[in-house]
Amino acid sequence: MRQFQMMGRLVKLVIYIVCLSIIGLVGYAYVGPFFGVDFSSPQKEIRQPVVLNAD
């Protein structure tokens, strides 16, 4: 019986850590630009020729 209580506490701890991590990541995504973090991807035009074989 004692082992099940320990496993239950461990599962709760893991769930709490995962929830706090998700909240922290979302908070960082919203607050990051105020501290100079740029999340936008670099934009660059790429042109490649395409050969179509329409036989």
N, C-alpha and C. Protein backbone atom coordinates (compact mmCIF):
# COMPACT_ATOMS: atom_id res chain seq x y z
N MET A 1 0.83 -1.20 0.00
CA MET A 1 0.00 0.00 0.00
C MET A 1 0.87 1.26 0.00
N ARG A 2 1.96 1.22 0.70
CA ARG A 2 2.86 2.37 0.80
C ARG A 2 3.49 2.69 -0.55
N GLN A 3 3.77 1.67 -1.35
CA GLN A 3 4.37 1.89 -2.66
C GLN A 3 3.43 2.64 -3.59
N PHE A 4 2.13 2.34 -3.50
CA PHE A 4 1.16 3.02 -4.34
C PHE A 4 1.06 4.50 -3.98
N GLN A 5 1.18 4.81 -2.68
CA GLN A 5 1.14 6.21 -2.26
C GLN A 5 2.36 6.96 -2.79
N MET A 6 3.52 6.30 -2.76
CA MET A 6 4.73 6.94 -3.28
C MET A 6 4.63 7.16 -4.78
N MET A 7 4.09 6.18 -5.50
CA MET A 7 3.93 6.33 -6.95
C MET A 7 2.93 7.43 -7.27
N GLY A 8 1.87 7.52 -6.48
CA GLY A 8 0.88 8.58 -6.68
C GLY A 8 1.49 9.96 -6.48
N ARG A 9 2.31 10.10 -5.47
CA ARG A 9 2.99 11.38 -5.24
C ARG A 9 3.95 11.70 -6.38
N LEU A 10 4.64 10.69 -6.86
CA LEU A 10 5.59 10.89 -7.95
C LEU A 10 4.85 11.32 -9.23
N VAL A 11 3.72 10.69 -9.51
CA VAL A 11 2.94 11.05 -10.69
C VAL A 11 2.42 12.48 -10.56
N LYS A 12 1.94 12.85 -9.38
CA LYS A 12 1.47 14.21 -9.16
C LYS A 12 2.60 15.22 -9.35
N LEU A 13 3.77 14.89 -8.85
CA LEU A 13 4.92 15.79 -9.00
C LEU A 13 5.28 15.97 -10.47
N VAL A 14 5.28 14.89 -11.22
CA VAL A 14 5.60 14.98 -12.65
C VAL A 14 4.55 15.82 -13.38
N ILE A 15 3.29 15.64 -13.05
CA ILE A 15 2.22 16.42 -13.68
C ILE A 15 2.36 17.90 -13.34
N TYR A 16 2.67 18.21 -12.08
CA TYR A 16 2.87 19.61 -11.69
C TYR A 16 4.05 20.22 -12.45
N ILE A 17 5.14 19.49 -12.57
CA ILE A 17 6.31 20.01 -13.27
C ILE A 17 6.00 20.25 -14.74
N VAL A 18 5.27 19.33 -15.36
CA VAL A 18 4.91 19.49 -16.77
C VAL A 18 4.00 20.72 -16.95
N CYS A 19 3.03 20.89 -16.08
CA CYS A 19 2.13 22.04 -16.17
C CYS A 19 2.88 23.35 -15.98
N LEU A 20 3.76 23.40 -15.00
CA LEU A 20 4.54 24.62 -14.78
C LEU A 20 5.47 24.90 -15.95
N SER A 21 6.01 23.87 -16.56
CA SER A 21 6.88 24.06 -17.73
C SER A 21 6.10 24.63 -18.90
N ILE A 22 4.90 24.13 -19.13
CA ILE A 22 4.06 24.64 -20.23
C ILE A 22 3.69 26.10 -19.97
N ILE A 23 3.31 26.41 -18.74
CA ILE A 23 2.96 27.80 -18.40
C ILE A 23 4.18 28.71 -18.57
N GLY A 24 5.34 28.24 -18.17
CA GLY A 24 6.56 29.03 -18.33
C GLY A 24 6.91 29.25 -19.79
N LEU A 25 6.73 28.23 -20.61
CA LEU A 25 7.04 28.36 -22.03
C LEU A 25 6.09 29.34 -22.72
N VAL A 26 4.82 29.26 -22.40
CA VAL A 26 3.85 30.19 -22.97
C VAL A 26 4.13 31.61 -22.48
N GLY A 27 4.46 31.76 -21.21
CA GLY A 27 4.80 33.08 -20.68
C GLY A 27 6.03 33.65 -21.36
N TYR A 28 7.03 32.83 -21.59
CA TYR A 28 8.24 33.28 -22.27
C TYR A 28 7.95 33.71 -23.71
N ALA A 29 7.04 32.99 -24.37
CA ALA A 29 6.68 33.34 -25.74
C ALA A 29 5.99 34.70 -25.79
N TYR A 30 5.20 35.01 -24.77
CA TYR A 30 4.51 36.31 -24.76
C TYR A 30 5.41 37.45 -24.28
N VAL A 31 6.26 37.20 -23.30
CA VAL A 31 7.05 38.26 -22.68
C VAL A 31 8.41 38.41 -23.36
N GLY A 32 8.87 37.41 -24.08
CA GLY A 32 10.18 37.43 -24.71
C GLY A 32 10.46 38.63 -25.59
N PRO A 33 9.54 39.03 -26.47
CA PRO A 33 9.81 40.20 -27.32
C PRO A 33 10.05 41.50 -26.56
N PHE A 34 9.53 41.63 -25.35
CA PHE A 34 9.79 42.83 -24.55
C PHE A 34 11.24 42.89 -24.08
N PHE A 35 11.91 41.73 -24.04
CA PHE A 35 13.30 41.68 -23.60
C PHE A 35 14.26 41.52 -24.77
N GLY A 36 13.79 41.73 -25.98
CA GLY A 36 14.66 41.72 -27.14
C GLY A 36 14.83 40.36 -27.80
N VAL A 37 14.02 39.38 -27.46
CA VAL A 37 14.11 38.07 -28.08
C VAL A 37 13.24 38.09 -29.34
N ASP A 38 13.82 37.70 -30.47
CA ASP A 38 13.10 37.72 -31.74
C ASP A 38 12.75 36.29 -32.14
N PHE A 39 11.47 35.98 -32.20
CA PHE A 39 11.02 34.63 -32.53
C PHE A 39 10.66 34.46 -34.00
N SER A 40 10.74 35.54 -34.78
CA SER A 40 10.34 35.43 -36.18
C SER A 40 11.42 34.69 -36.97
N SER A 41 10.98 33.96 -37.95
CA SER A 41 11.92 33.22 -38.78
C SER A 41 12.53 34.16 -39.82
N PRO A 42 13.78 33.91 -40.20
CA PRO A 42 14.39 34.76 -41.22
C PRO A 42 13.70 34.54 -42.57
N GLN A 43 13.36 35.63 -43.23
CA GLN A 43 12.65 35.52 -44.50
C GLN A 43 13.62 35.76 -45.64
N LYS A 44 13.63 34.80 -46.57
CA LYS A 44 14.54 34.87 -47.69
C LYS A 44 13.87 34.19 -48.88
N GLU A 45 13.91 34.85 -50.01
CA GLU A 45 13.28 34.28 -51.20
C GLU A 45 14.21 33.24 -51.82
N ILE A 46 13.66 32.09 -52.13
CA ILE A 46 14.43 31.02 -52.75
C ILE A 46 13.77 30.67 -54.08
N ARG A 47 14.55 30.68 -55.14
CA ARG A 47 14.03 30.31 -56.46
C ARG A 47 14.80 29.09 -56.95
N GLN A 48 14.04 28.08 -57.34
CA GLN A 48 14.64 26.87 -57.88
C GLN A 48 13.92 26.50 -59.16
N PRO A 49 14.67 26.19 -60.21
CA PRO A 49 14.02 25.76 -61.45
C PRO A 49 13.44 24.37 -61.27
N VAL A 50 12.27 24.17 -61.89
CA VAL A 50 11.59 22.88 -61.82
C VAL A 50 11.46 22.34 -63.23
N VAL A 51 11.92 21.11 -63.44
CA VAL A 51 11.81 20.47 -64.75
C VAL A 51 10.68 19.46 -64.68
N LEU A 52 9.68 19.64 -65.55
CA LEU A 52 8.54 18.72 -65.59
C LEU A 52 8.66 17.81 -66.79
N ASN A 53 8.57 16.53 -66.57
CA ASN A 53 8.59 15.55 -67.66
C ASN A 53 7.17 15.19 -68.00
N ALA A 54 6.60 15.83 -69.01
CA ALA A 54 5.22 15.58 -69.40
C ALA A 54 5.20 14.72 -70.68
N ASP A 55 5.68 13.52 -70.59
CA ASP A 55 5.72 12.62 -71.74
C ASP A 55 4.46 11.82 -71.87
